[in-house]
PDB file of N, CA and C in Angstrom:
ATOM      1  N   MET A   1       0.841  -1.184   0.000  1.00  0.00           N
ATOM      2  CA  MET A   1       0.000   0.000   0.000  1.00  0.00           C
ATOM      3  C   MET A   1       0.889   1.250   0.000  1.00  0.00           C
ATOM      4  N   ILE A   2       0.387   2.277  -0.701  1.00  0.00           N
ATOM      5  CA  ILE A   2       1.065   3.568  -0.729  1.00  0.00           C
ATOM      6  C   ILE A   2       0.063   4.650  -0.348  1.00  0.00           C
ATOM      7  N   THR A   3       0.580   5.801   0.043  1.00  0.00           N
ATOM      8  CA  THR A   3      -0.277   6.933   0.411  1.00  0.00           C
ATOM      9  C   THR A   3      -0.038   8.067  -0.566  1.00  0.00           C
ATOM     10  N   VAL A   4      -1.125   8.597  -1.135  1.00  0.00           N
ATOM     11  CA  VAL A   4      -1.038   9.756  -2.019  1.00  0.00           C
ATOM     12  C   VAL A   4      -1.959  10.843  -1.480  1.00  0.00           C
ATOM     13  N   ALA A   5      -1.646  12.076  -1.829  1.00  0.00           N
ATOM     14  CA  ALA A   5      -2.492  13.206  -1.439  1.00  0.00           C
ATOM     15  C   ALA A   5      -3.351  13.587  -2.635  1.00  0.00           C
ATOM     16  N   LEU A   6      -4.608  13.876  -2.386  1.00  0.00           N
ATOM     17  CA  LEU A   6      -5.523  14.361  -3.415  1.00  0.00           C
ATOM     18  C   LEU A   6      -5.752  15.842  -3.144  1.00  0.00           C
ATOM     19  N   ALA A   7      -5.555  16.692  -4.166  1.00  0.00           N
ATOM     20  CA  ALA A   7      -5.702  18.130  -3.976  1.00  0.00           C
ATOM     21  C   ALA A   7      -6.602  18.715  -5.057  1.00  0.00           C
ATOM     22  N   TRP A   8      -7.420  19.700  -4.647  1.00  0.00           N
ATOM     23  CA  TRP A   8      -8.289  20.402  -5.575  1.00  0.00           C
ATOM     24  C   TRP A   8      -8.610  21.763  -4.984  1.00  0.00           C
ATOM     25  N   SER A   9      -9.130  22.634  -5.810  1.00  0.00           N
ATOM     26  CA  SER A   9      -9.510  23.962  -5.348  1.00  0.00           C
ATOM     27  C   SER A   9     -11.031  24.068  -5.421  1.00  0.00           C
ATOM     28  N   ALA A  10     -11.629  24.523  -4.335  1.00  0.00           N
ATOM     29  CA  ALA A  10     -13.077  24.713  -4.291  1.00  0.00           C
ATOM     30  C   ALA A  10     -13.347  26.042  -3.621  1.00  0.00           C
ATOM     31  N   GLY A  11     -13.963  26.937  -4.339  1.00  0.00           N
ATOM     32  CA  GLY A  11     -14.276  28.241  -3.784  1.00  0.00           C
ATOM     33  C   GLY A  11     -13.045  29.072  -3.474  1.00  0.00           C
ATOM     34  N   GLY A  12     -11.983  28.874  -4.238  1.00  0.00           N
ATOM     35  CA  GLY A  12     -10.761  29.636  -4.034  1.00  0.00           C
ATOM     36  C   GLY A  12      -9.865  29.108  -2.929  1.00  0.00           C
ATOM     37  N   VAL A  13     -10.235  27.998  -2.323  1.00  0.00           N
ATOM     38  CA  VAL A  13      -9.453  27.408  -1.244  1.00  0.00           C
ATOM     39  C   VAL A  13      -8.958  26.032  -1.693  1.00  0.00           C
ATOM     40  N   VAL A  14      -7.665  25.805  -1.555  1.00  0.00           N
ATOM     41  CA  VAL A  14      -7.104  24.505  -1.910  1.00  0.00           C
ATOM     42  C   VAL A  14      -7.372  23.533  -0.771  1.00  0.00           C
ATOM     43  N   GLN A  15      -7.902  22.379  -1.125  1.00  0.00           N
ATOM     44  CA  GLN A  15      -8.187  21.343  -0.140  1.00  0.00           C
ATOM     45  C   GLN A  15      -7.366  20.116  -0.488  1.00  0.00           C
ATOM     46  N   GLU A  16      -6.931  19.409   0.522  1.00  0.00           N
ATOM     47  CA  GLU A  16      -6.080  18.244   0.305  1.00  0.00           C
ATOM     48  C   GLU A  16      -6.430  17.159   1.324  1.00  0.00           C
ATOM     49  N   VAL A  17      -6.512  15.925   0.850  1.00  0.00           N
ATOM     50  CA  VAL A  17      -6.751  14.779   1.724  1.00  0.00           C
ATOM     51  C   VAL A  17      -5.799  13.662   1.324  1.00  0.00           C
ATOM     52  N   SER A  18      -5.489  12.791   2.257  1.00  0.00           N
ATOM     53  CA  SER A  18      -4.625  11.644   1.985  1.00  0.00           C
ATOM     54  C   SER A  18      -5.471  10.403   1.768  1.00  0.00           C
ATOM     55  N   VAL A  19      -5.010   9.564   0.853  1.00  0.00           N
ATOM     56  CA  VAL A  19      -5.712   8.316   0.554  1.00  0.00           C
ATOM     57  C   VAL A  19      -4.676   7.203   0.460  1.00  0.00           C
ATOM     58  N   GLU A  20      -4.983   6.066   1.035  1.00  0.00           N
ATOM     59  CA  GLU A  20      -4.117   4.901   0.929  1.00  0.00           C
ATOM     60  C   GLU A  20      -4.648   4.016  -0.183  1.00  0.00           C
ATOM     61  N   ILE A  21      -3.770   3.708  -1.142  1.00  0.00           N
ATOM     62  CA  ILE A  21      -4.161   2.905  -2.312  1.00  0.00           C
ATOM     63  C   ILE A  21      -3.169   1.769  -2.525  1.00  0.00           C
ATOM     64  N   ALA A  22      -3.525   0.843  -3.378  1.00  0.00           N
ATOM     65  CA  ALA A  22      -2.661  -0.294  -3.673  1.00  0.00           C
ATOM     66  C   ALA A  22      -1.456   0.138  -4.506  1.00  0.00           C
ATOM     67  N   THR A  23      -0.334  -0.488  -4.269  1.00  0.00           N
ATOM     68  CA  THR A  23       0.868  -0.234  -5.055  1.00  0.00           C
ATOM     69  C   THR A  23       0.585  -0.591  -6.513  1.00  0.00           C
ATOM     70  N   GLY A  24       1.047   0.239  -7.439  1.00  0.00           N
ATOM     71  CA  GLY A  24       0.831  -0.010  -8.862  1.00  0.00           C
ATOM     72  C   GLY A  24      -0.428   0.623  -9.417  1.00  0.00           C
ATOM     73  N   THR A  25      -1.162   1.356  -8.588  1.00  0.00           N
ATOM     74  CA  THR A  25      -2.385   2.019  -9.046  1.00  0.00           C
ATOM     75  C   THR A  25      -2.028   3.124 -10.031  1.00  0.00           C
ATOM     76  N   THR A  26      -2.792   3.211 -11.119  1.00  0.00           N
ATOM     77  CA  THR A  26      -2.583   4.274 -12.100  1.00  0.00           C
ATOM     78  C   THR A  26      -3.612   5.378 -11.866  1.00  0.00           C
ATOM     79  N   ILE A  27      -3.400   6.504 -12.527  1.00  0.00           N
ATOM     80  CA  ILE A  27      -4.369   7.599 -12.414  1.00  0.00           C
ATOM     81  C   ILE A  27      -5.730   7.147 -12.925  1.00  0.00           C
ATOM     82  N   GLY A  28      -5.752   6.405 -14.026  1.00  0.00           N
ATOM     83  CA  GLY A  28      -7.013   5.907 -14.578  1.00  0.00           C
ATOM     84  C   GLY A  28      -7.751   5.015 -13.600  1.00  0.00           C
ATOM     85  N   THR A  29      -7.028   4.154 -12.911  1.00  0.00           N
ATOM     86  CA  THR A  29      -7.632   3.277 -11.913  1.00  0.00           C
ATOM     87  C   THR A  29      -8.109   4.083 -10.719  1.00  0.00           C
ATOM     88  N   LEU A  30      -7.335   5.068 -10.310  1.00  0.00           N
ATOM     89  CA  LEU A  30      -7.686   5.897  -9.164  1.00  0.00           C
ATOM     90  C   LEU A  30      -8.996   6.640  -9.401  1.00  0.00           C
ATOM     91  N   LYS A  31      -9.231   7.081 -10.635  1.00  0.00           N
ATOM     92  CA  LYS A  31     -10.457   7.818 -10.952  1.00  0.00           C
ATOM     93  C   LYS A  31     -11.705   6.979 -10.702  1.00  0.00           C
ATOM     94  N   ASN A  32     -11.568   5.649 -10.729  1.00  0.00           N
ATOM     95  CA  ASN A  32     -12.708   4.753 -10.520  1.00  0.00           C
ATOM     96  C   ASN A  32     -12.741   4.170  -9.106  1.00  0.00           C
ATOM     97  N   CYS A  33     -11.788   4.566  -8.270  1.00  0.00           N
ATOM     98  CA  CYS A  33     -11.688   4.043  -6.911  1.00  0.00           C
ATOM     99  C   CYS A  33     -12.776   4.665  -6.030  1.00  0.00           C
ATOM    100  N   VAL A  34     -13.511   3.845  -5.311  1.00  0.00           N
ATOM    101  CA  VAL A  34     -14.611   4.309  -4.469  1.00  0.00           C
ATOM    102  C   VAL A  34     -14.108   5.271  -3.396  1.00  0.00           C
ATOM    103  N   GLU A  35     -12.963   4.969  -2.792  1.00  0.00           N
ATOM    104  CA  GLU A  35     -12.434   5.843  -1.742  1.00  0.00           C
ATOM    105  C   GLU A  35     -12.080   7.213  -2.316  1.00  0.00           C
ATOM    106  N   PHE A  36     -11.515   7.227  -3.520  1.00  0.00           N
ATOM    107  CA  PHE A  36     -11.192   8.490  -4.201  1.00  0.00           C
ATOM    108  C   PHE A  36     -12.458   9.300  -4.447  1.00  0.00           C
ATOM    109  N   LEU A  37     -13.466   8.650  -5.001  1.00  0.00           N
ATOM    110  CA  LEU A  37     -14.715   9.340  -5.325  1.00  0.00           C
ATOM    111  C   LEU A  37     -15.417   9.873  -4.090  1.00  0.00           C
ATOM    112  N   SER A  38     -15.286   9.183  -2.974  1.00  0.00           N
ATOM    113  CA  SER A  38     -15.956   9.624  -1.751  1.00  0.00           C
ATOM    114  C   SER A  38     -15.264  10.829  -1.108  1.00  0.00           C
ATOM    115  N   LYS A  39     -14.001  11.062  -1.417  1.00  0.00           N
ATOM    116  CA  LYS A  39     -13.249  12.166  -0.813  1.00  0.00           C
ATOM    117  C   LYS A  39     -13.446  13.492  -1.550  1.00  0.00           C
ATOM    118  N   ILE A  40     -13.776  13.438  -2.849  1.00  0.00           N
ATOM    119  CA  ILE A  40     -13.852  14.637  -3.687  1.00  0.00           C
ATOM    120  C   ILE A  40     -15.309  15.073  -3.834  1.00  0.00           C
ATOM    121  N   PRO A  41     -15.595  16.382  -3.660  1.00  0.00           N
ATOM    122  CA  PRO A  41     -16.971  16.859  -3.866  1.00  0.00           C
ATOM    123  C   PRO A  41     -17.442  16.592  -5.299  1.00  0.00           C
ATOM    124  N   THR A  42     -18.700  16.244  -5.457  1.00  0.00           N
ATOM    125  CA  THR A  42     -19.257  15.896  -6.761  1.00  0.00           C
ATOM    126  C   THR A  42     -19.077  17.018  -7.782  1.00  0.00           C
ATOM    127  N   GLY A  43     -19.282  18.261  -7.385  1.00  0.00           N
ATOM    128  CA  GLY A  43     -19.138  19.391  -8.296  1.00  0.00           C
ATOM    129  C   GLY A  43     -17.732  19.501  -8.858  1.00  0.00           C
ATOM    130  N   VAL A  44     -16.736  19.210  -8.042  1.00  0.00           N
ATOM    131  CA  VAL A  44     -15.342  19.260  -8.485  1.00  0.00           C
ATOM    132  C   VAL A  44     -15.068  18.117  -9.449  1.00  0.00           C
ATOM    133  N   LEU A  45     -15.557  16.919  -9.126  1.00  0.00           N
ATOM    134  CA  LEU A  45     -15.346  15.760 -10.004  1.00  0.00           C
ATOM    135  C   LEU A  45     -15.966  15.983 -11.381  1.00  0.00           C
ATOM    136  N   ASN A  46     -17.175  16.526 -11.417  1.00  0.00           N
ATOM    137  CA  ASN A  46     -17.863  16.733 -12.689  1.00  0.00           C
ATOM    138  C   ASN A  46     -17.202  17.806 -13.527  1.00  0.00           C
ATOM    139  N   ALA A  47     -16.578  18.792 -12.885  1.00  0.00           N
ATOM    140  CA  ALA A  47     -15.986  19.913 -13.606  1.00  0.00           C
ATOM    141  C   ALA A  47     -14.512  19.703 -13.938  1.00  0.00           C
ATOM    142  N   ALA A  48     -13.888  18.690 -13.368  1.00  0.00           N
ATOM    143  CA  ALA A  48     -12.447  18.500 -13.544  1.00  0.00           C
ATOM    144  C   ALA A  48     -12.068  18.411 -15.024  1.00  0.00           C
ATOM    145  N   ALA A  49     -11.101  19.240 -15.402  1.00  0.00           N
ATOM    146  CA  ALA A  49     -10.644  19.287 -16.790  1.00  0.00           C
ATOM    147  C   ALA A  49      -9.418  18.409 -17.008  1.00  0.00           C
ATOM    148  N   GLY A  50      -8.753  18.035 -15.938  1.00  0.00           N
ATOM    149  CA  GLY A  50      -7.559  17.213 -16.069  1.00  0.00           C
ATOM    150  C   GLY A  50      -7.043  16.793 -14.712  1.00  0.00           C
ATOM    151  N   VAL A  51      -6.063  15.890 -14.758  1.00  0.00           N
ATOM    152  CA  VAL A  51      -5.440  15.388 -13.541  1.00  0.00           C
ATOM    153  C   VAL A  51      -3.936  15.470 -13.721  1.00  0.00           C
ATOM    154  N   GLY A  52      -3.263  15.885 -12.676  1.00  0.00           N
ATOM    155  CA  GLY A  52      -1.813  15.975 -12.734  1.00  0.00           C
ATOM    156  C   GLY A  52      -1.201  15.468 -11.447  1.00  0.00           C
ATOM    157  N   VAL A  53       0.120  15.327 -11.483  1.00  0.00           N
ATOM    158  CA  VAL A  53       0.877  14.928 -10.307  1.00  0.00           C
ATOM    159  C   VAL A  53       1.989  15.945 -10.126  1.00  0.00           C
ATOM    160  N   TRP A  54       2.012  16.565  -8.974  1.00  0.00           N
ATOM    161  CA  TRP A  54       3.013  17.590  -8.658  1.00  0.00           C
ATOM    162  C   TRP A  54       3.110  18.660  -9.736  1.00  0.00           C
ATOM    163  N   GLY A  55       1.977  19.170 -10.211  1.00  0.00           N
ATOM    164  CA  GLY A  55       1.954  20.298 -11.128  1.00  0.00           C
ATOM    165  C   GLY A  55       2.144  19.970 -12.591  1.00  0.00           C
ATOM    166  N   LYS A  56       2.216  18.703 -12.942  1.00  0.00           N
ATOM    167  CA  LYS A  56       2.374  18.301 -14.336  1.00  0.00           C
ATOM    168  C   LYS A  56       1.233  17.374 -14.731  1.00  0.00           C
ATOM    169  N   VAL A  57       0.595  17.677 -15.860  1.00  0.00           N
ATOM    170  CA  VAL A  57      -0.500  16.842 -16.345  1.00  0.00           C
ATOM    171  C   VAL A  57       0.066  15.468 -16.693  1.00  0.00           C
ATOM    172  N   ARG A  58      -0.618  14.444 -16.255  1.00  0.00           N
ATOM    173  CA  ARG A  58      -0.172  13.063 -16.498  1.00  0.00           C
ATOM    174  C   ARG A  58      -1.266  12.271 -17.193  1.00  0.00           C
ATOM    175  N   ALA A  59      -0.844  11.262 -17.938  1.00  0.00           N
ATOM    176  CA  ALA A  59      -1.774  10.372 -18.636  1.00  0.00           C
ATOM    177  C   ALA A  59      -2.413   9.415 -17.629  1.00  0.00           C
ATOM    178  N   ASN A  60      -3.529   8.824 -18.020  1.00  0.00           N
ATOM    179  CA  ASN A  60      -4.215   7.852 -17.157  1.00  0.00           C
ATOM    180  C   ASN A  60      -3.343   6.636 -16.857  1.00  0.00           C
ATOM    181  N   SER A  61      -2.330   6.384 -17.677  1.00  0.00           N
ATOM    182  CA  SER A  61      -1.471   5.215 -17.484  1.00  0.00           C
ATOM    183  C   SER A  61      -0.332   5.465 -16.486  1.00  0.00           C
ATOM    184  N   TYR A  62      -0.211   6.691 -15.980  1.00  0.00           N
ATOM    185  CA  TYR A  62       0.856   7.027 -15.034  1.00  0.00           C
ATOM    186  C   TYR A  62       0.674   6.246 -13.738  1.00  0.00           C
ATOM    187  N   LYS A  63       1.712   5.499 -13.322  1.00  0.00           N
ATOM    188  CA  LYS A  63       1.657   4.735 -12.076  1.00  0.00           C
ATOM    189  C   LYS A  63       2.025   5.647 -10.915  1.00  0.00           C
ATOM    190  N   LEU A  64       1.138   5.711  -9.946  1.00  0.00           N
ATOM    191  CA  LEU A  64       1.349   6.566  -8.784  1.00  0.00           C
ATOM    192  C   LEU A  64       2.390   5.961  -7.851  1.00  0.00           C
ATOM    193  N   ARG A  65       3.149   6.854  -7.206  1.00  0.00           N
ATOM    194  CA  ARG A  65       4.178   6.434  -6.262  1.00  0.00           C
ATOM    195  C   ARG A  65       3.846   6.980  -4.876  1.00  0.00           C
ATOM    196  N   ASP A  66       4.420   6.362  -3.879  1.00  0.00           N
ATOM    197  CA  ASP A  66       4.188   6.790  -2.506  1.00  0.00           C
ATOM    198  C   ASP A  66       4.589   8.256  -2.349  1.00  0.00           C
ATOM    199  N   GLY A  67       3.683   9.058  -1.785  1.00  0.00           N
ATOM    200  CA  GLY A  67       3.963  10.465  -1.555  1.00  0.00           C
ATOM    201  C   GLY A  67       3.564  11.398  -2.686  1.00  0.00           C
ATOM    202  N   ASP A  68       3.050  10.866  -3.807  1.00  0.00           N
ATOM    203  CA  ASP A  68       2.613  11.718  -4.918  1.00  0.00           C
ATOM    204  C   ASP A  68       1.461  12.616  -4.480  1.00  0.00           C
ATOM    205  N   ARG A  69       1.385  13.797  -5.094  1.00  0.00           N
ATOM    206  CA  ARG A  69       0.266  14.724  -4.864  1.00  0.00           C
ATOM    207  C   ARG A  69      -0.545  14.774  -6.146  1.00  0.00           C
ATOM    208  N   VAL A  70      -1.708  14.138  -6.142  1.00  0.00           N
ATOM    209  CA  VAL A  70      -2.591  14.073  -7.304  1.00  0.00           C
ATOM    210  C   VAL A  70      -3.481  15.310  -7.274  1.00  0.00           C
ATOM    211  N   GLU A  71      -3.442  16.093  -8.357  1.00  0.00           N
ATOM    212  CA  GLU A  71      -4.173  17.359  -8.407  1.00  0.00           C
ATOM    213  C   GLU A  71      -5.267  17.315  -9.463  1.00  0.00           C
ATOM    214  N   LEU A  72      -6.455  17.756  -9.094  1.00  0.00           N
ATOM    215  CA  LEU A  72      -7.559  17.879 -10.044  1.00  0.00           C
ATOM    216  C   LEU A  72      -7.568  19.305 -10.570  1.00  0.00           C
ATOM    217  N   TYR A  73      -7.507  19.455 -11.875  1.00  0.00           N
ATOM    218  CA  TYR A  73      -7.484  20.778 -12.488  1.00  0.00           C
ATOM    219  C   TYR A  73      -8.863  21.129 -13.010  1.00  0.00           C
ATOM    220  N   LEU A  74      -9.324  22.323 -12.658  1.00  0.00           N
ATOM    221  CA  LEU A  74     -10.624  22.808 -13.115  1.00  0.00           C
ATOM    222  C   LEU A  74     -10.421  23.717 -14.319  1.00  0.00           C
ATOM    223  N   PRO A  75     -11.403  23.801 -15.214  1.00  0.00           N
ATOM    224  CA  PRO A  75     -11.265  24.680 -16.381  1.00  0.00           C
ATOM    225  C   PRO A  75     -11.231  26.147 -15.945  1.00  0.00           C
ATOM    226  N   LEU A  76     -10.575  26.972 -16.749  1.00  0.00           N
ATOM    227  CA  LEU A  76     -10.533  28.405 -16.460  1.00  0.00           C
ATOM    228  C   LEU A  76     -11.918  29.001 -16.641  1.00  0.00           C
ATOM    229  N   THR A  77     -12.277  29.917 -15.768  1.00  0.00           N
ATOM    230  CA  THR A  77     -13.584  30.567 -15.870  1.00  0.00           C
ATOM    231  C   THR A  77     -13.510  31.829 -16.718  1.00  0.00           C
ATOM    232  N   ALA A  78     -12.307  32.353 -16.915  1.00  0.00           N
ATOM    233  CA  ALA A  78     -12.120  33.554 -17.740  1.00  0.00           C
ATOM    234  C   ALA A  78     -10.750  33.485 -18.396  1.00  0.00           C
ATOM    235  N   ASP A  79     -10.600  34.169 -19.504  1.00  0.00           N
ATOM    236  CA  ASP A  79      -9.335  34.206 -20.228  1.00  0.00           C
ATOM    237  C   ASP A  79      -8.343  35.099 -19.468  1.00  0.00           C
ATOM    238  N   PRO A  80      -7.204  34.564 -19.022  1.00  0.00           N
ATOM    239  CA  PRO A  80      -6.252  35.369 -18.253  1.00  0.00           C
ATOM    240  C   PRO A  80      -5.728  36.586 -19.019  1.00  0.00           C
ATOM    241  N   LYS A  81      -5.550  36.457 -20.330  1.00  0.00           N
ATOM    242  CA  LYS A  81      -5.082  37.592 -21.126  1.00  0.00           C
ATOM    243  C   LYS A  81      -6.100  38.727 -21.103  1.00  0.00           C
ATOM    244  N   GLU A  82      -7.363  38.374 -21.235  1.00  0.00           N
ATOM    245  CA  GLU A  82      -8.411  39.388 -21.227  1.00  0.00           C
ATOM    246  C   GLU A  82      -8.523  40.040 -19.845  1.00  0.00           C
ATOM    247  N   GLN A  83      -8.365  39.283 -18.805  1.00  0.00           N
ATOM    248  CA  GLN A  83      -8.407  39.844 -17.454  1.00  0.00           C
ATOM    249  C   GLN A  83      -7.285  40.856 -17.252  1.00  0.00           C
ATOM    250  N   ARG A  84      -6.077  40.580 -17.752  1.00  0.00           N
ATOM    251  CA  ARG A  84      -4.974  41.524 -17.636  1.00  0.00           C
ATOM    252  C   ARG A  84      -5.243  42.782 -18.422  1.00  0.00           C
ATOM    253  N   ARG A  85      -5.827  42.628 -19.613  1.00  0.00           N
ATOM    254  CA  ARG A  85      -6.174  43.812 -20.426  1.00  0.00           C
ATOM    255  C   ARG A  85      -7.160  44.707 -19.688  1.00  0.00           C
ATOM    256  N   GLN A  86      -8.159  44.089 -19.076  1.00  0.00           N
ATOM    257  CA  GLN A  86      -9.170  44.871 -18.351  1.00  0.00           C
ATOM    258  C   GLN A  86      -8.568  45.575 -17.142  1.00  0.00           C
ATOM    259  N   ARG A  87      -7.657  44.930 -16.428  1.00  0.00           N
ATOM    260  CA  ARG A  87      -7.016  45.577 -15.279  1.00  0.00           C
ATOM    261  C   ARG A  87      -6.131  46.731 -15.724  1.00  0.00           C
ATOM    262  N   ALA A  88      -5.511  46.611 -16.902  1.00  0.00           N
ATOM    263  CA  ALA A  88      -4.626  47.661 -17.398  1.00  0.00           C
ATOM    264  C   ALA A  88      -5.412  48.913 -17.815  1.00  0.00           C
ATOM    265  N   ARG A  89      -6.662  48.753 -18.189  1.00  0.00           N
ATOM    266  CA  ARG A  89      -7.478  49.899 -18.631  1.00  0.00           C
ATOM    267  C   ARG A  89      -7.851  50.765 -17.512  1.00  0.00           C
TER     268      ARG A  89
END
């Protein structure tokens, strides 16, 4: 068994929980894990645009290692370039 951290942002606050999973678990397998699904709010799961480990987007075939930080990425709500333009005006 290995322990990984699950992290996501909800309402502007980063939340993180630890989950113990079987050695050799991939990101794709983790997405279907009941314990994983029970830890993440439904709204975050439905909106997730991608999954990464330590700030890098990873494929579903990526094998998780002990101590990895699995991050759920949400889609952008606004274009960052446009936001900077508006602040500059």
